Amino acid sequence: MKNSNLIKARKAVGLTQSDLASKLNYTKQAVSNWENGYSTPRILDAIKISEILNKDINHLFLESEVQENHTNSA
């Protein structure tokens, strides 16, 4: 399940996947995997991401799941 909240937030602050990865000492592929729903960051990294993107952690990592699951069950 694609994490559109994370993608939108990253783009809103003008960061590429490579930029965000560099700030977190990860690879671009790791950020791509988070955005495409193949994996999720560790909690401390998720907190750093929310600080970098100036978004609530729940908005970035939980609301998209609730929204996606609700859409699928309708």
C-alpha atoms as a PDB file:
ATOM      1  CA  MET A   1       0.000   0.000   0.000  1.00  0.00           C
ATOM      2  CA  LYS A   2       1.560   3.249  -1.170  1.00  0.00           C
ATOM      3  CA  ASN A   3       2.180   5.885   1.516  1.00  0.00           C
ATOM      4  CA  SER A   4       0.840   8.952  -0.257  1.00  0.00           C
ATOM      5  CA  ASN A   5       1.014  11.081   2.912  1.00  0.00           C
ATOM      6  CA  LEU A   6       4.758  10.536   3.160  1.00  0.00           C
ATOM      7  CA  ILE A   7       5.255  11.257  -0.540  1.00  0.00           C
ATOM      8  CA  LYS A   8       3.197  14.470  -0.433  1.00  0.00           C
ATOM      9  CA  ALA A   9       4.913  15.708   2.726  1.00  0.00           C
ATOM     10  CA  ARG A  10       8.383  15.065   1.297  1.00  0.00           C
ATOM     11  CA  LYS A  11       7.569  16.870  -1.930  1.00  0.00           C
ATOM     12  CA  ALA A  12       5.893  19.756  -0.061  1.00  0.00           C
ATOM     13  CA  VAL A  13       9.194  20.639   1.603  1.00  0.00           C
ATOM     14  CA  GLY A  14      11.088  20.271  -1.658  1.00  0.00           C
ATOM     15  CA  LEU A  15      13.078  17.150  -0.835  1.00  0.00           C
ATOM     16  CA  THR A  16      13.899  14.324  -3.198  1.00  0.00           C
ATOM     17  CA  GLN A  17      14.062  10.760  -1.960  1.00  0.00           C
ATOM     18  CA  SER A  18      17.848  11.103  -2.045  1.00  0.00           C
ATOM     19  CA  ASP A  19      17.718  14.300   0.039  1.00  0.00           C
ATOM     20  CA  LEU A  20      15.588  12.675   2.732  1.00  0.00           C
ATOM     21  CA  ALA A  21      17.721   9.546   2.702  1.00  0.00           C
ATOM     22  CA  SER A  22      20.867  11.622   3.159  1.00  0.00           C
ATOM     23  CA  LYS A  23      19.407  13.430   6.189  1.00  0.00           C
ATOM     24  CA  LEU A  24      18.647  10.054   7.780  1.00  0.00           C
ATOM     25  CA  ASN A  25      21.823   8.209   6.709  1.00  0.00           C
ATOM     26  CA  TYR A  26      19.783   5.789   4.611  1.00  0.00           C
ATOM     27  CA  THR A  27      19.766   4.956   0.929  1.00  0.00           C
ATOM     28  CA  LYS A  28      17.325   6.364  -1.606  1.00  0.00           C
ATOM     29  CA  GLN A  29      16.048   2.797  -2.008  1.00  0.00           C
ATOM     30  CA  ALA A  30      15.046   2.673   1.679  1.00  0.00           C
ATOM     31  CA  VAL A  31      12.973   5.851   1.287  1.00  0.00           C
ATOM     32  CA  SER A  32      11.439   4.444  -1.887  1.00  0.00           C
ATOM     33  CA  ASN A  33      10.518   1.253  -0.018  1.00  0.00           C
ATOM     34  CA  TRP A  34       8.797   3.263   2.740  1.00  0.00           C
ATOM     35  CA  GLU A  35       6.875   5.328   0.213  1.00  0.00           C
ATOM     36  CA  ASN A  36       5.810   2.289  -1.774  1.00  0.00           C
ATOM     37  CA  GLY A  37       4.742   0.368   1.310  1.00  0.00           C
ATOM     38  CA  TYR A  38       7.342  -2.385   1.063  1.00  0.00           C
ATOM     39  CA  SER A  39       8.752  -1.535   4.495  1.00  0.00           C
ATOM     40  CA  THR A  40       8.456   1.010   7.284  1.00  0.00           C
ATOM     41  CA  PRO A  41      11.139   2.945   9.113  1.00  0.00           C
ATOM     42  CA  ARG A  42      12.119   2.161  12.689  1.00  0.00           C
ATOM     43  CA  ILE A  43      10.239   4.282  15.228  1.00  0.00           C
ATOM     44  CA  LEU A  44      13.165   6.607  15.970  1.00  0.00           C
ATOM     45  CA  ASP A  45      13.661   7.185  12.259  1.00  0.00           C
ATOM     46  CA  ALA A  46       9.925   7.778  11.799  1.00  0.00           C
ATOM     47  CA  ILE A  47      10.129  10.457  14.497  1.00  0.00           C
ATOM     48  CA  LYS A  48      13.092  12.083  12.695  1.00  0.00           C
ATOM     49  CA  ILE A  49      11.158  11.974   9.415  1.00  0.00           C
ATOM     50  CA  SER A  50       8.163  13.673  11.020  1.00  0.00           C
ATOM     51  CA  GLU A  51      10.452  16.401  12.373  1.00  0.00           C
ATOM     52  CA  ILE A  52      12.206  16.911   9.026  1.00  0.00           C
ATOM     53  CA  LEU A  53       8.897  17.063   7.146  1.00  0.00           C
ATOM     54  CA  ASN A  54       7.166  19.044   9.908  1.00  0.00           C
ATOM     55  CA  LYS A  55       4.231  16.616   9.977  1.00  0.00           C
ATOM     56  CA  ASP A  56       2.642  14.571  12.718  1.00  0.00           C
ATOM     57  CA  ILE A  57       3.970  11.024  12.824  1.00  0.00           C
ATOM     58  CA  ASN A  58       0.418   9.657  12.851  1.00  0.00           C
ATOM     59  CA  HIS A  59      -0.392  11.575   9.693  1.00  0.00           C
ATOM     60  CA  LEU A  60       2.670  10.212   7.932  1.00  0.00           C
ATOM     61  CA  PHE A  61       2.486   6.580   8.949  1.00  0.00           C
ATOM     62  CA  LEU A  62      -0.948   5.723  10.328  1.00  0.00           C
ATOM     63  CA  GLU A  63      -3.600   7.852   8.655  1.00  0.00           C
ATOM     64  CA  SER A  64      -2.742   6.582   5.195  1.00  0.00           C
ATOM     65  CA  GLU A  65      -3.274   3.000   6.397  1.00  0.00           C
ATOM     66  CA  VAL A  66      -6.626   3.820   7.975  1.00  0.00           C
ATOM     67  CA  GLN A  67      -7.717   5.692   4.868  1.00  0.00           C
ATOM     68  CA  GLU A  68      -6.547   2.911   2.546  1.00  0.00           C
ATOM     69  CA  ASN A  69      -8.187   0.190   4.625  1.00  0.00           C
ATOM     70  CA  HIS A  70     -11.434   2.148   4.823  1.00  0.00           C
ATOM     71  CA  THR A  71     -11.440   2.662   1.060  1.00  0.00           C
ATOM     72  CA  ASN A  72     -10.830  -1.043   0.449  1.00  0.00           C
ATOM     73  CA  SER A  73     -13.656  -2.138   2.736  1.00  0.00           C
ATOM     74  CA  ALA A  74     -16.251   0.180   1.216  1.00  0.00           C
END
